[in-house]
Amino acid sequence: MVRWLAASLGILAAAAILSGGCGGKTDAGDGGTDGATGTDATGDGPMCTYQDTRTSSERTCSVSADCAVVIRSVSCCQEENDGILGSAAPTFNQQQAALTAGCPACGCAAQPVDELGVKGTSFVATCDNGLCTAHAQ
């Protein structure tokens, strides 16, 4: 029983260390990042956050040709392919790069999914009910 308990605690400690490593740099004293710049509000370096910066106006479309696929990190080892207006994609990509600049290398291959959580290897954006949406192929 003692060995089992010790092994279980060791596994829990390792999991806590690994999950903390995927979270990146955080600073409880200042409330995190400064807007979409990805920098720490106190100015002590890049932060790590996986927030979605798309707005509904950046997703509004009339036809599928309006839409493009962008890749957003949602966690240390997961990427989400999202639909966005093609004209908004460059700004979105810059914001995401800044927000994840402080994220550590995870040592795992990204597991790409679409907005609905469907895994895939390639993705396409279509205009669904007036919103750009990415779909796994």
N, C-alpha and C. Protein backbone atom coordinates (compact mmCIF):
# COMPACT_ATOMS: atom_id res chain seq x y z
N MET A 1 0.82 -1.19 0.00
CA MET A 1 0.00 0.00 0.00
C MET A 1 0.86 1.26 0.00
N VAL A 2 1.94 1.24 0.80
CA VAL A 2 2.82 2.41 0.89
C VAL A 2 3.49 2.65 -0.46
N ARG A 3 3.96 1.56 -1.13
CA ARG A 3 4.59 1.71 -2.43
C ARG A 3 3.61 2.28 -3.45
N TRP A 4 2.38 1.77 -3.44
CA TRP A 4 1.36 2.26 -4.38
C TRP A 4 1.10 3.74 -4.15
N LEU A 5 0.98 4.16 -2.89
CA LEU A 5 0.74 5.55 -2.56
C LEU A 5 1.91 6.42 -3.00
N ALA A 6 3.12 5.97 -2.76
CA ALA A 6 4.31 6.72 -3.16
C ALA A 6 4.37 6.86 -4.68
N ALA A 7 4.06 5.79 -5.40
CA ALA A 7 4.06 5.83 -6.87
C ALA A 7 2.99 6.78 -7.37
N SER A 8 1.82 6.73 -6.75
CA SER A 8 0.72 7.62 -7.17
C SER A 8 1.08 9.08 -6.94
N LEU A 9 1.68 9.38 -5.81
CA LEU A 9 2.08 10.75 -5.52
C LEU A 9 3.17 11.21 -6.49
N GLY A 10 4.08 10.31 -6.84
CA GLY A 10 5.12 10.65 -7.80
C GLY A 10 4.54 10.99 -9.16
N ILE A 11 3.53 10.24 -9.59
CA ILE A 11 2.87 10.50 -10.87
C ILE A 11 2.15 11.84 -10.82
N LEU A 12 1.46 12.11 -9.72
CA LEU A 12 0.76 13.39 -9.57
C LEU A 12 1.73 14.56 -9.58
N ALA A 13 2.86 14.41 -8.92
CA ALA A 13 3.85 15.48 -8.89
C ALA A 13 4.41 15.73 -10.29
N ALA A 14 4.68 14.66 -11.03
CA ALA A 14 5.19 14.82 -12.39
C ALA A 14 4.16 15.49 -13.28
N ALA A 15 2.89 15.12 -13.13
CA ALA A 15 1.82 15.74 -13.92
C ALA A 15 1.71 17.22 -13.60
N ALA A 16 1.84 17.58 -12.34
CA ALA A 16 1.75 18.99 -11.95
C ALA A 16 2.91 19.78 -12.55
N ILE A 17 4.09 19.20 -12.56
CA ILE A 17 5.25 19.88 -13.13
C ILE A 17 5.07 20.05 -14.63
N LEU A 18 4.64 18.99 -15.31
CA LEU A 18 4.46 19.06 -16.76
C LEU A 18 3.36 20.02 -17.15
N SER A 19 2.26 20.02 -16.44
CA SER A 19 1.17 20.93 -16.80
C SER A 19 1.56 22.37 -16.53
N GLY A 20 2.35 22.61 -15.53
CA GLY A 20 2.84 23.96 -15.27
C GLY A 20 3.79 24.41 -16.36
N GLY A 21 4.57 23.49 -16.91
CA GLY A 21 5.51 23.81 -17.96
C GLY A 21 4.83 24.21 -19.26
N CYS A 22 3.63 23.74 -19.48
CA CYS A 22 2.92 24.08 -20.72
C CYS A 22 2.18 25.39 -20.59
N GLY A 23 2.10 25.95 -19.42
CA GLY A 23 1.35 27.18 -19.25
C GLY A 23 2.12 28.43 -19.56
N GLY A 24 3.43 28.35 -19.63
CA GLY A 24 4.23 29.52 -19.93
C GLY A 24 4.40 30.42 -18.73
N LYS A 25 4.88 31.60 -18.96
CA LYS A 25 5.17 32.56 -17.91
C LYS A 25 3.89 33.27 -17.48
N THR A 26 3.62 33.27 -16.21
CA THR A 26 2.49 34.01 -15.69
C THR A 26 2.96 34.88 -14.55
N ASP A 27 2.25 35.94 -14.31
CA ASP A 27 2.61 36.88 -13.26
C ASP A 27 1.33 37.26 -12.54
N ALA A 28 1.07 36.65 -11.39
CA ALA A 28 -0.18 36.87 -10.67
C ALA A 28 -0.32 38.30 -10.17
N GLY A 29 0.77 39.02 -10.11
CA GLY A 29 0.72 40.35 -9.54
C GLY A 29 0.21 41.43 -10.46
N ASP A 30 0.08 41.16 -11.78
CA ASP A 30 -0.27 42.27 -12.64
C ASP A 30 -1.42 42.01 -13.60
N GLY A 31 -2.05 40.86 -13.52
CA GLY A 31 -3.20 40.61 -14.36
C GLY A 31 -2.87 40.10 -15.74
N GLY A 32 -1.62 39.75 -16.03
CA GLY A 32 -1.31 39.07 -17.28
C GLY A 32 -0.89 39.97 -18.41
N THR A 33 -1.42 39.66 -19.60
CA THR A 33 -0.96 40.34 -20.80
C THR A 33 -1.62 41.70 -20.96
N ASP A 34 -0.96 42.51 -21.75
CA ASP A 34 -1.45 43.85 -22.04
C ASP A 34 -2.12 43.82 -23.41
N GLY A 35 -3.44 43.58 -23.42
CA GLY A 35 -4.21 43.54 -24.65
C GLY A 35 -3.73 42.43 -25.57
N ALA A 36 -3.72 42.70 -26.86
CA ALA A 36 -3.32 41.69 -27.84
C ALA A 36 -1.85 41.81 -28.20
N THR A 37 -1.08 42.56 -27.41
CA THR A 37 0.34 42.72 -27.72
C THR A 37 1.15 41.52 -27.29
N GLY A 38 0.64 40.74 -26.33
CA GLY A 38 1.36 39.57 -25.86
C GLY A 38 2.46 39.90 -24.88
N THR A 39 2.58 41.16 -24.47
CA THR A 39 3.61 41.51 -23.51
C THR A 39 3.01 41.61 -22.12
N ASP A 40 3.82 41.35 -21.15
CA ASP A 40 3.41 41.44 -19.76
C ASP A 40 3.14 42.90 -19.42
N ALA A 41 2.06 43.17 -18.71
CA ALA A 41 1.68 44.54 -18.39
C ALA A 41 2.76 45.28 -17.60
N THR A 42 3.61 44.54 -16.88
CA THR A 42 4.67 45.19 -16.13
C THR A 42 5.93 45.38 -16.97
N GLY A 43 5.93 44.86 -18.19
CA GLY A 43 7.05 45.05 -19.08
C GLY A 43 8.22 44.12 -18.86
N ASP A 44 8.02 43.01 -18.13
CA ASP A 44 9.15 42.13 -17.87
C ASP A 44 9.25 40.98 -18.85
N GLY A 45 8.69 41.12 -20.05
CA GLY A 45 8.90 40.12 -21.09
C GLY A 45 7.62 39.57 -21.68
N PRO A 46 7.78 38.73 -22.72
CA PRO A 46 6.61 38.16 -23.39
C PRO A 46 5.88 37.17 -22.49
N MET A 47 4.58 37.16 -22.65
CA MET A 47 3.74 36.24 -21.89
C MET A 47 3.32 35.08 -22.78
N CYS A 48 2.67 34.12 -22.20
CA CYS A 48 2.13 32.99 -22.93
C CYS A 48 0.64 32.90 -22.65
N THR A 49 -0.14 33.10 -23.68
CA THR A 49 -1.58 32.94 -23.54
C THR A 49 -2.12 32.37 -24.84
N TYR A 50 -3.16 31.58 -24.74
CA TYR A 50 -3.74 30.93 -25.91
C TYR A 50 -5.11 31.51 -26.25
N GLN A 51 -5.34 32.78 -25.97
CA GLN A 51 -6.66 33.36 -26.20
C GLN A 51 -6.96 33.53 -27.67
N ASP A 52 -8.25 33.47 -27.99
CA ASP A 52 -8.73 33.68 -29.35
C ASP A 52 -8.99 35.17 -29.52
N THR A 53 -8.36 35.79 -30.50
CA THR A 53 -8.51 37.23 -30.69
C THR A 53 -9.48 37.58 -31.82
N ARG A 54 -10.10 36.57 -32.44
CA ARG A 54 -11.05 36.86 -33.52
C ARG A 54 -12.29 37.55 -32.95
N THR A 55 -12.82 38.50 -33.70
CA THR A 55 -14.09 39.13 -33.34
C THR A 55 -15.14 38.64 -34.32
N SER A 56 -16.40 38.82 -33.97
CA SER A 56 -17.46 38.35 -34.87
C SER A 56 -17.42 39.09 -36.21
N SER A 57 -17.02 40.36 -36.21
CA SER A 57 -16.94 41.10 -37.47
C SER A 57 -15.83 40.55 -38.37
N GLU A 58 -14.80 39.93 -37.78
CA GLU A 58 -13.72 39.34 -38.56
C GLU A 58 -14.10 37.98 -39.13
N ARG A 59 -15.27 37.49 -38.75
CA ARG A 59 -15.75 36.20 -39.24
C ARG A 59 -16.95 36.34 -40.17
N THR A 60 -17.57 37.51 -40.22
CA THR A 60 -18.77 37.72 -41.02
C THR A 60 -18.43 37.65 -42.51
N CYS A 61 -19.21 36.84 -43.25
CA CYS A 61 -18.92 36.63 -44.67
C CYS A 61 -20.21 36.56 -45.48
N SER A 62 -20.04 36.66 -46.80
CA SER A 62 -21.16 36.50 -47.73
C SER A 62 -20.98 35.22 -48.55
N VAL A 63 -19.73 34.93 -48.92
CA VAL A 63 -19.41 33.73 -49.70
C VAL A 63 -18.13 33.10 -49.15
N SER A 64 -17.93 31.83 -49.46
CA SER A 64 -16.75 31.11 -48.95
C SER A 64 -15.44 31.72 -49.42
N ALA A 65 -15.45 32.37 -50.58
CA ALA A 65 -14.23 33.00 -51.08
C ALA A 65 -13.74 34.13 -50.17
N ASP A 66 -14.62 34.64 -49.30
CA ASP A 66 -14.23 35.69 -48.34
C ASP A 66 -13.35 35.14 -47.22
N CYS A 67 -13.37 33.82 -47.02
CA CYS A 67 -12.81 33.21 -45.82
C CYS A 67 -11.42 32.59 -46.04
N ALA A 68 -10.67 32.51 -44.96
CA ALA A 68 -9.36 31.87 -44.94
C ALA A 68 -9.23 31.07 -43.65
N VAL A 69 -8.30 30.14 -43.63
CA VAL A 69 -8.02 29.34 -42.44
C VAL A 69 -6.81 29.94 -41.74
N VAL A 70 -6.91 30.13 -40.42
CA VAL A 70 -5.78 30.55 -39.60
C VAL A 70 -5.57 29.49 -38.52
N ILE A 71 -4.36 29.40 -38.03
CA ILE A 71 -4.03 28.40 -37.00
C ILE A 71 -3.80 29.11 -35.68
N ARG A 72 -4.47 28.62 -34.65
CA ARG A 72 -4.35 29.19 -33.30
C ARG A 72 -3.94 28.09 -32.34
N SER A 73 -2.92 28.36 -31.53
CA SER A 73 -2.54 27.42 -30.47
C SER A 73 -3.58 27.52 -29.37
N VAL A 74 -4.15 26.38 -28.98
CA VAL A 74 -5.13 26.37 -27.89
C VAL A 74 -4.55 25.81 -26.62
N SER A 75 -3.46 25.10 -26.73
CA SER A 75 -2.75 24.60 -25.56
C SER A 75 -1.33 24.25 -26.02
N CYS A 76 -0.59 23.74 -25.11
CA CYS A 76 0.79 23.40 -25.40
C CYS A 76 0.92 22.48 -26.61
N CYS A 77 0.04 21.52 -26.74
CA CYS A 77 0.16 20.52 -27.80
C CYS A 77 -1.06 20.45 -28.72
N GLN A 78 -1.87 21.49 -28.77
CA GLN A 78 -3.04 21.44 -29.64
C GLN A 78 -3.19 22.73 -30.42
N GLU A 79 -3.47 22.57 -31.71
CA GLU A 79 -3.74 23.71 -32.59
C GLU A 79 -5.17 23.61 -33.08
N GLU A 80 -5.82 24.77 -33.18
CA GLU A 80 -7.17 24.83 -33.73
C GLU A 80 -7.11 25.63 -35.02
N ASN A 81 -7.66 25.08 -36.08
CA ASN A 81 -7.76 25.76 -37.36
C ASN A 81 -9.10 26.47 -37.37
N ASP A 82 -9.06 27.80 -37.51
CA ASP A 82 -10.26 28.63 -37.42
C ASP A 82 -10.52 29.35 -38.73
N GLY A 83 -11.79 29.65 -38.99
CA GLY A 83 -12.16 30.44 -40.15
C GLY A 83 -12.19 31.91 -39.80
N ILE A 84 -11.71 32.74 -40.72
CA ILE A 84 -11.67 34.19 -40.52
C ILE A 84 -11.69 34.83 -41.91
N LEU A 85 -12.07 36.08 -41.96
CA LEU A 85 -12.00 36.79 -43.23
C LEU A 85 -10.56 36.82 -43.72
N GLY A 86 -10.37 36.61 -45.01
CA GLY A 86 -9.03 36.63 -45.56
C GLY A 86 -8.31 37.94 -45.29
N SER A 87 -9.05 39.05 -45.31
CA SER A 87 -8.45 40.36 -45.06
C SER A 87 -8.01 40.54 -43.61
N ALA A 88 -8.58 39.78 -42.68
CA ALA A 88 -8.24 39.89 -41.26
C ALA A 88 -7.15 38.91 -40.85
N ALA A 89 -6.83 37.95 -41.71
CA ALA A 89 -5.87 36.89 -41.36
C ALA A 89 -4.48 37.41 -41.00
N PRO A 90 -3.88 38.35 -41.76
CA PRO A 90 -2.52 38.80 -41.40
C PRO A 90 -2.45 39.42 -39.99
N THR A 91 -3.42 40.24 -39.63
CA THR A 91 -3.44 40.85 -38.30
C THR A 91 -3.61 39.79 -37.22
N PHE A 92 -4.53 38.85 -37.47
CA PHE A 92 -4.75 37.75 -36.52
C PHE A 92 -3.46 36.98 -36.29
N ASN A 93 -2.77 36.64 -37.38
CA ASN A 93 -1.52 35.87 -37.25
C ASN A 93 -0.47 36.63 -36.45
N GLN A 94 -0.37 37.94 -36.64
CA GLN A 94 0.57 38.76 -35.87
C GLN A 94 0.20 38.76 -34.39
N GLN A 95 -1.09 38.90 -34.09
CA GLN A 95 -1.54 38.90 -32.69
C GLN A 95 -1.25 37.56 -32.03
N GLN A 96 -1.53 36.47 -32.72
CA GLN A 96 -1.29 35.15 -32.14
C GLN A 96 0.19 34.90 -31.90
N ALA A 97 1.03 35.35 -32.82
CA ALA A 97 2.48 35.20 -32.64
C ALA A 97 2.95 35.95 -31.40
N ALA A 98 2.42 37.16 -31.18
CA ALA A 98 2.80 37.94 -30.01
C ALA A 98 2.29 37.30 -28.72
N LEU A 99 1.07 36.79 -28.74
CA LEU A 99 0.48 36.20 -27.53
C LEU A 99 1.17 34.91 -27.11
N THR A 100 1.71 34.17 -28.06
CA THR A 100 2.35 32.90 -27.73
C THR A 100 3.88 32.99 -27.71
N ALA A 101 4.42 34.20 -27.83
CA ALA A 101 5.88 34.37 -27.87
C ALA A 101 6.57 33.83 -26.62
N GLY A 102 5.92 33.90 -25.47
CA GLY A 102 6.53 33.44 -24.23
C GLY A 102 6.21 32.00 -23.89
N CYS A 103 5.50 31.30 -24.78
CA CYS A 103 5.15 29.90 -24.50
C CYS A 103 6.37 29.00 -24.71
N PRO A 104 6.56 28.06 -23.81
CA PRO A 104 7.72 27.18 -23.94
C PRO A 104 7.51 26.16 -25.06
N ALA A 105 8.61 25.64 -25.57
CA ALA A 105 8.52 24.52 -26.50
C ALA A 105 8.00 23.32 -25.72
N CYS A 106 7.06 22.61 -26.29
CA CYS A 106 6.38 21.56 -25.53
C CYS A 106 6.95 20.17 -25.74
N GLY A 107 7.67 19.95 -26.82
CA GLY A 107 8.22 18.63 -27.06
C GLY A 107 7.19 17.63 -27.55
N CYS A 108 6.09 18.13 -28.09
CA CYS A 108 5.06 17.24 -28.62
C CYS A 108 4.55 17.82 -29.94
N ALA A 109 4.11 16.95 -30.81
CA ALA A 109 3.56 17.40 -32.09
C ALA A 109 2.17 17.96 -31.85
N ALA A 110 1.86 19.07 -32.50
CA ALA A 110 0.54 19.67 -32.36
C ALA A 110 -0.52 18.72 -32.89
N GLN A 111 -1.66 18.69 -32.24
CA GLN A 111 -2.80 17.88 -32.66
C GLN A 111 -3.84 18.81 -33.26
N PRO A 112 -3.82 19.00 -34.60
CA PRO A 112 -4.73 19.98 -35.22
C PRO A 112 -6.18 19.52 -35.25
N VAL A 113 -7.07 20.45 -34.91
CA VAL A 113 -8.52 20.22 -34.98
C VAL A 113 -9.16 21.44 -35.62
N ASP A 114 -10.41 21.28 -36.06
CA ASP A 114 -11.15 22.44 -36.55
C ASP A 114 -11.94 23.06 -35.40
N GLU A 115 -12.73 24.05 -35.70
CA GLU A 115 -13.48 24.78 -34.67
C GLU A 115 -14.48 23.91 -33.92
N LEU A 116 -14.87 22.80 -34.53
CA LEU A 116 -15.83 21.89 -33.91
C LEU A 116 -15.13 20.76 -33.16
N GLY A 117 -13.79 20.78 -33.16
CA GLY A 117 -13.02 19.76 -32.46
C GLY A 117 -12.73 18.52 -33.28
N VAL A 118 -13.01 18.57 -34.59
CA VAL A 118 -12.76 17.43 -35.47
C VAL A 118 -11.30 17.44 -35.91
N LYS A 119 -10.61 16.31 -35.68
CA LYS A 119 -9.19 16.20 -36.07
C LYS A 119 -9.07 16.10 -37.58
N GLY A 120 -7.97 16.64 -38.09
CA GLY A 120 -7.72 16.56 -39.52
C GLY A 120 -6.28 16.86 -39.85
N THR A 121 -5.94 16.66 -41.12
CA THR A 121 -4.60 16.98 -41.59
C THR A 121 -4.62 18.15 -42.55
N SER A 122 -5.78 18.45 -43.11
CA SER A 122 -5.94 19.65 -43.93
C SER A 122 -7.30 20.26 -43.60
N PHE A 123 -7.39 21.57 -43.81
CA PHE A 123 -8.59 22.30 -43.40
C PHE A 123 -9.00 23.28 -44.49
N VAL A 124 -10.29 23.56 -44.56
CA VAL A 124 -10.82 24.51 -45.52
C VAL A 124 -11.80 25.42 -44.78
N ALA A 125 -11.84 26.69 -45.17
CA ALA A 125 -12.78 27.64 -44.57
C ALA A 125 -13.94 27.86 -45.53
N THR A 126 -15.15 27.80 -44.99
CA THR A 126 -16.35 28.06 -45.77
C THR A 126 -17.20 29.09 -45.04
N CYS A 127 -18.11 29.72 -45.78
CA CYS A 127 -19.04 30.67 -45.19
C CYS A 127 -20.30 29.92 -44.80
N ASP A 128 -20.45 29.66 -43.52
CA ASP A 128 -21.60 28.91 -43.00
C ASP A 128 -22.51 29.85 -42.22
N ASN A 129 -23.70 30.05 -42.74
CA ASN A 129 -24.67 30.92 -42.07
C ASN A 129 -24.10 32.30 -41.77
N GLY A 130 -23.31 32.83 -42.70
CA GLY A 130 -22.77 34.17 -42.56
C GLY A 130 -21.51 34.29 -41.73
N LEU A 131 -20.93 33.15 -41.30
CA LEU A 131 -19.69 33.17 -40.51
C LEU A 131 -18.64 32.27 -41.14
N CYS A 132 -17.42 32.77 -41.25
CA CYS A 132 -16.30 31.94 -41.73
C CYS A 132 -16.04 30.86 -40.70
N THR A 133 -16.00 29.61 -41.16
CA THR A 133 -15.81 28.47 -40.29
C THR A 133 -14.85 27.49 -40.95
N ALA A 134 -13.89 26.99 -40.17
CA ALA A 134 -12.92 26.02 -40.70
C ALA A 134 -13.45 24.61 -40.49
N HIS A 135 -13.18 23.75 -41.46
CA HIS A 135 -13.62 22.35 -41.40
C HIS A 135 -12.44 21.45 -41.74
N ALA A 136 -12.31 20.35 -40.97
CA ALA A 136 -11.29 19.35 -41.25
C ALA A 136 -11.66 18.61 -42.53
N GLN A 137 -10.64 18.22 -43.27
CA GLN A 137 -10.86 17.45 -44.51
C GLN A 137 -10.47 16.03 -44.29
